Amino acid sequence: MKGIIYRILLVAAAFAALAAKASAQEQNKAPDPQEMAAKEAERLESLLGLEPWQVFYVDSTLQHDYRALQTEMEDLQRAKVENYDLYIQVRDKWAEQIDRAYQRFFNDQQWQKYQKSGAARAQKARDKRRAQAEKAAAKKKK
């Protein structure tokens, strides 16, 4: 009788461990670019008071650019690139692309509000990283 109870508990523990592992893998999964784009488009719609056509353009732009960003990051990972700066450069490149697209279809008031919401600070940080990278590249050439 003890052997049967022991086996039942062992099987139950194994199933619990498998369920916990599956749950952890689900949580560690990279976010879907479509979901991320939809959430960001909704956030910007409420923050900036976007028109429906603007929300469409934001969502379309983000879906494309997030997928392209994800593809480039995966390419770097597959190539086993260990230089963190290269990942940052790719992320910055796509953030710049997104900002250029936003500037085309936001009106002046929306663009200013977007800049005040943190985009200007992010742009300054990207510019600073770019300047540092250029400075480091110039030193290597010498």
C-alpha atoms as a PDB file:
ATOM      1  CA  MET A   1       0.000   0.000   0.000  1.00  0.00           C
ATOM      2  CA  LYS A   2       2.846   2.422   0.833  1.00  0.00           C
ATOM      3  CA  GLY A   3       4.434   1.663  -2.551  1.00  0.00           C
ATOM      4  CA  ILE A   4       1.258   2.599  -4.429  1.00  0.00           C
ATOM      5  CA  ILE A   5       0.852   5.866  -2.502  1.00  0.00           C
ATOM      6  CA  TYR A   6       4.527   6.631  -3.040  1.00  0.00           C
ATOM      7  CA  ARG A   7       4.173   6.045  -6.808  1.00  0.00           C
ATOM      8  CA  ILE A   8       1.035   8.183  -6.993  1.00  0.00           C
ATOM      9  CA  LEU A   9       2.798  11.030  -5.190  1.00  0.00           C
ATOM     10  CA  LEU A  10       5.828  10.641  -7.447  1.00  0.00           C
ATOM     11  CA  VAL A  11       3.673  10.832 -10.602  1.00  0.00           C
ATOM     12  CA  ALA A  12       1.766  13.828  -9.211  1.00  0.00           C
ATOM     13  CA  ALA A  13       5.039  15.601  -8.445  1.00  0.00           C
ATOM     14  CA  ALA A  14       6.317  14.886 -11.958  1.00  0.00           C
ATOM     15  CA  PHE A  15       3.150  16.335 -13.507  1.00  0.00           C
ATOM     16  CA  ALA A  16       3.394  19.399 -11.281  1.00  0.00           C
ATOM     17  CA  ALA A  17       7.016  19.924 -12.326  1.00  0.00           C
ATOM     18  CA  LEU A  18       6.110  19.613 -16.009  1.00  0.00           C
ATOM     19  CA  ALA A  19       3.251  22.088 -15.605  1.00  0.00           C
ATOM     20  CA  ALA A  20       5.528  24.568 -13.816  1.00  0.00           C
ATOM     21  CA  LYS A  21       8.175  24.211 -16.541  1.00  0.00           C
ATOM     22  CA  ALA A  22       5.606  24.787 -19.305  1.00  0.00           C
ATOM     23  CA  SER A  23       4.277  27.853 -17.487  1.00  0.00           C
ATOM     24  CA  ALA A  24       7.796  29.276 -17.075  1.00  0.00           C
ATOM     25  CA  GLN A  25       8.538  28.735 -20.769  1.00  0.00           C
ATOM     26  CA  GLU A  26       5.299  30.519 -21.704  1.00  0.00           C
ATOM     27  CA  GLN A  27       6.250  33.516 -19.550  1.00  0.00           C
ATOM     28  CA  ASN A  28       9.795  33.656 -20.961  1.00  0.00           C
ATOM     29  CA  LYS A  29       8.513  33.694 -24.538  1.00  0.00           C
ATOM     30  CA  ALA A  30       9.367  36.888 -26.413  1.00  0.00           C
ATOM     31  CA  PRO A  31       6.381  39.207 -26.791  1.00  0.00           C
ATOM     32  CA  ASP A  32       4.596  39.041 -30.128  1.00  0.00           C
ATOM     33  CA  PRO A  33       5.337  42.100 -32.334  1.00  0.00           C
ATOM     34  CA  GLN A  34       1.653  42.393 -33.288  1.00  0.00           C
ATOM     35  CA  GLU A  35       0.564  42.537 -29.646  1.00  0.00           C
ATOM     36  CA  MET A  36       3.284  45.036 -28.789  1.00  0.00           C
ATOM     37  CA  ALA A  37       2.312  47.228 -31.755  1.00  0.00           C
ATOM     38  CA  ALA A  38      -1.375  47.149 -30.834  1.00  0.00           C
ATOM     39  CA  LYS A  39      -0.662  48.086 -27.201  1.00  0.00           C
ATOM     40  CA  GLU A  40       1.639  50.945 -28.196  1.00  0.00           C
ATOM     41  CA  ALA A  41      -0.858  52.221 -30.774  1.00  0.00           C
ATOM     42  CA  GLU A  42      -3.584  52.236 -28.108  1.00  0.00           C
ATOM     43  CA  ARG A  43      -1.282  54.030 -25.671  1.00  0.00           C
ATOM     44  CA  LEU A  44      -0.407  56.706 -28.216  1.00  0.00           C
ATOM     45  CA  GLU A  45      -4.043  57.064 -29.257  1.00  0.00           C
ATOM     46  CA  SER A  46      -5.084  57.904 -25.709  1.00  0.00           C
ATOM     47  CA  LEU A  47      -1.967  60.000 -24.978  1.00  0.00           C
ATOM     48  CA  LEU A  48      -2.002  62.084 -28.159  1.00  0.00           C
ATOM     49  CA  GLY A  49      -5.655  61.964 -29.188  1.00  0.00           C
ATOM     50  CA  LEU A  50      -4.878  60.338 -32.528  1.00  0.00           C
ATOM     51  CA  GLU A  51      -7.390  60.141 -35.338  1.00  0.00           C
ATOM     52  CA  PRO A  52      -8.405  56.648 -36.513  1.00  0.00           C
ATOM     53  CA  TRP A  53      -6.260  56.933 -39.640  1.00  0.00           C
ATOM     54  CA  GLN A  54      -3.268  57.906 -37.504  1.00  0.00           C
ATOM     55  CA  VAL A  55      -3.806  54.898 -35.238  1.00  0.00           C
ATOM     56  CA  PHE A  56      -3.828  52.714 -38.349  1.00  0.00           C
ATOM     57  CA  TYR A  57      -0.514  54.186 -39.526  1.00  0.00           C
ATOM     58  CA  VAL A  58       1.051  53.872 -36.064  1.00  0.00           C
ATOM     59  CA  ASP A  59      -0.042  50.253 -35.771  1.00  0.00           C
ATOM     60  CA  SER A  60       1.117  49.388 -39.306  1.00  0.00           C
ATOM     61  CA  THR A  61       4.464  51.094 -38.817  1.00  0.00           C
ATOM     62  CA  LEU A  62       5.063  49.404 -35.486  1.00  0.00           C
ATOM     63  CA  GLN A  63       4.075  45.961 -36.734  1.00  0.00           C
ATOM     64  CA  HIS A  64       6.547  46.231 -39.611  1.00  0.00           C
ATOM     65  CA  ASP A  65       9.364  47.785 -37.637  1.00  0.00           C
ATOM     66  CA  TYR A  66       8.996  45.547 -34.582  1.00  0.00           C
ATOM     67  CA  ARG A  67       9.116  42.454 -36.815  1.00  0.00           C
ATOM     68  CA  ALA A  68      12.182  43.801 -38.622  1.00  0.00           C
ATOM     69  CA  LEU A  69      13.849  44.624 -35.293  1.00  0.00           C
ATOM     70  CA  GLN A  70      13.082  41.161 -33.975  1.00  0.00           C
ATOM     71  CA  THR A  71      14.489  39.568 -37.141  1.00  0.00           C
ATOM     72  CA  GLU A  72      17.727  41.549 -36.916  1.00  0.00           C
ATOM     73  CA  MET A  73      18.126  40.703 -33.227  1.00  0.00           C
ATOM     74  CA  GLU A  74      17.562  37.013 -33.935  1.00  0.00           C
ATOM     75  CA  ASP A  75      20.148  37.174 -36.740  1.00  0.00           C
ATOM     76  CA  LEU A  76      22.682  38.612 -34.305  1.00  0.00           C
ATOM     77  CA  GLN A  77      21.848  35.912 -31.768  1.00  0.00           C
ATOM     78  CA  ARG A  78      22.173  33.138 -34.364  1.00  0.00           C
ATOM     79  CA  ALA A  79      25.531  34.575 -35.361  1.00  0.00           C
ATOM     80  CA  LYS A  80      26.449  34.412 -31.660  1.00  0.00           C
ATOM     81  CA  VAL A  81      27.336  38.093 -31.556  1.00  0.00           C
ATOM     82  CA  GLU A  82      28.459  38.953 -28.046  1.00  0.00           C
ATOM     83  CA  ASN A  83      29.078  42.668 -28.545  1.00  0.00           C
ATOM     84  CA  TYR A  84      26.220  44.331 -26.668  1.00  0.00           C
ATOM     85  CA  ASP A  85      26.796  47.589 -28.557  1.00  0.00           C
ATOM     86  CA  LEU A  86      25.701  45.980 -31.823  1.00  0.00           C
ATOM     87  CA  TYR A  87      22.346  45.048 -30.293  1.00  0.00           C
ATOM     88  CA  ILE A  88      21.940  48.616 -29.044  1.00  0.00           C
ATOM     89  CA  GLN A  89      22.779  49.983 -32.499  1.00  0.00           C
ATOM     90  CA  VAL A  90      20.107  47.805 -34.100  1.00  0.00           C
ATOM     91  CA  ARG A  91      17.530  48.866 -31.517  1.00  0.00           C
ATOM     92  CA  ASP A  92      18.454  52.526 -31.976  1.00  0.00           C
ATOM     93  CA  LYS A  93      18.251  52.228 -35.770  1.00  0.00           C
ATOM     94  CA  TRP A  94      14.671  50.980 -35.591  1.00  0.00           C
ATOM     95  CA  ALA A  95      13.691  53.529 -32.932  1.00  0.00           C
ATOM     96  CA  GLU A  96      14.935  56.252 -35.285  1.00  0.00           C
ATOM     97  CA  GLN A  97      12.929  54.742 -38.121  1.00  0.00           C
ATOM     98  CA  ILE A  98       9.775  54.725 -35.977  1.00  0.00           C
ATOM     99  CA  ASP A  99      10.281  58.345 -34.905  1.00  0.00           C
ATOM    100  CA  ARG A 100      10.753  59.458 -38.537  1.00  0.00           C
ATOM    101  CA  ALA A 101       7.510  57.714 -39.468  1.00  0.00           C
ATOM    102  CA  TYR A 102       5.651  59.284 -36.537  1.00  0.00           C
ATOM    103  CA  GLN A 103       6.861  62.723 -37.517  1.00  0.00           C
ATOM    104  CA  ARG A 104       5.302  62.296 -40.966  1.00  0.00           C
ATOM    105  CA  PHE A 105       1.782  61.621 -39.713  1.00  0.00           C
ATOM    106  CA  PHE A 106       1.575  63.393 -36.340  1.00  0.00           C
ATOM    107  CA  ASN A 107       0.532  67.022 -36.398  1.00  0.00           C
ATOM    108  CA  ASP A 108       2.761  69.596 -34.664  1.00  0.00           C
ATOM    109  CA  GLN A 109       0.832  69.487 -31.391  1.00  0.00           C
ATOM    110  CA  GLN A 110       0.877  65.689 -31.280  1.00  0.00           C
ATOM    111  CA  TRP A 111       4.577  65.597 -32.131  1.00  0.00           C
ATOM    112  CA  GLN A 112       5.414  68.042 -29.327  1.00  0.00           C
ATOM    113  CA  LYS A 113       3.364  66.034 -26.853  1.00  0.00           C
ATOM    114  CA  TYR A 114       5.043  62.830 -28.029  1.00  0.00           C
ATOM    115  CA  GLN A 115       8.463  64.448 -27.564  1.00  0.00           C
ATOM    116  CA  LYS A 116       7.531  65.598 -24.057  1.00  0.00           C
ATOM    117  CA  SER A 117       6.342  62.093 -23.149  1.00  0.00           C
ATOM    118  CA  GLY A 118       9.927  60.821 -23.238  1.00  0.00           C
ATOM    119  CA  ALA A 119      10.751  60.568 -26.932  1.00  0.00           C
ATOM    120  CA  ALA A 120      13.045  63.599 -26.820  1.00  0.00           C
ATOM    121  CA  ARG A 121      15.012  62.084 -23.942  1.00  0.00           C
ATOM    122  CA  ALA A 122      15.309  58.794 -25.846  1.00  0.00           C
ATOM    123  CA  GLN A 123      16.496  60.689 -28.944  1.00  0.00           C
ATOM    124  CA  LYS A 124      19.180  62.486 -26.937  1.00  0.00           C
ATOM    125  CA  ALA A 125      20.352  59.166 -25.493  1.00  0.00           C
ATOM    126  CA  ARG A 126      20.544  57.652 -29.013  1.00  0.00           C
ATOM    127  CA  ASP A 127      22.480  60.692 -30.267  1.00  0.00           C
ATOM    128  CA  LYS A 128      24.884  60.405 -27.347  1.00  0.00           C
ATOM    129  CA  ARG A 129      25.462  56.684 -28.000  1.00  0.00           C
ATOM    130  CA  ARG A 130      26.013  57.385 -31.711  1.00  0.00           C
ATOM    131  CA  ALA A 131      28.551  60.141 -30.923  1.00  0.00           C
ATOM    132  CA  GLN A 132      30.411  57.847 -28.535  1.00  0.00           C
ATOM    133  CA  ALA A 133      30.509  55.080 -31.127  1.00  0.00           C
ATOM    134  CA  GLU A 134      31.829  57.481 -33.767  1.00  0.00           C
ATOM    135  CA  LYS A 135      34.456  58.751 -31.343  1.00  0.00           C
ATOM    136  CA  ALA A 136      35.557  55.204 -30.540  1.00  0.00           C
ATOM    137  CA  ALA A 137      35.714  54.354 -34.259  1.00  0.00           C
ATOM    138  CA  ALA A 138      37.846  57.454 -34.902  1.00  0.00           C
ATOM    139  CA  LYS A 139      40.269  56.397 -32.174  1.00  0.00           C
ATOM    140  CA  LYS A 140      40.615  52.940 -33.737  1.00  0.00           C
ATOM    141  CA  LYS A 141      41.527  54.477 -37.094  1.00  0.00           C
ATOM    142  CA  LYS A 142      44.412  56.429 -35.540  1.00  0.00           C
END
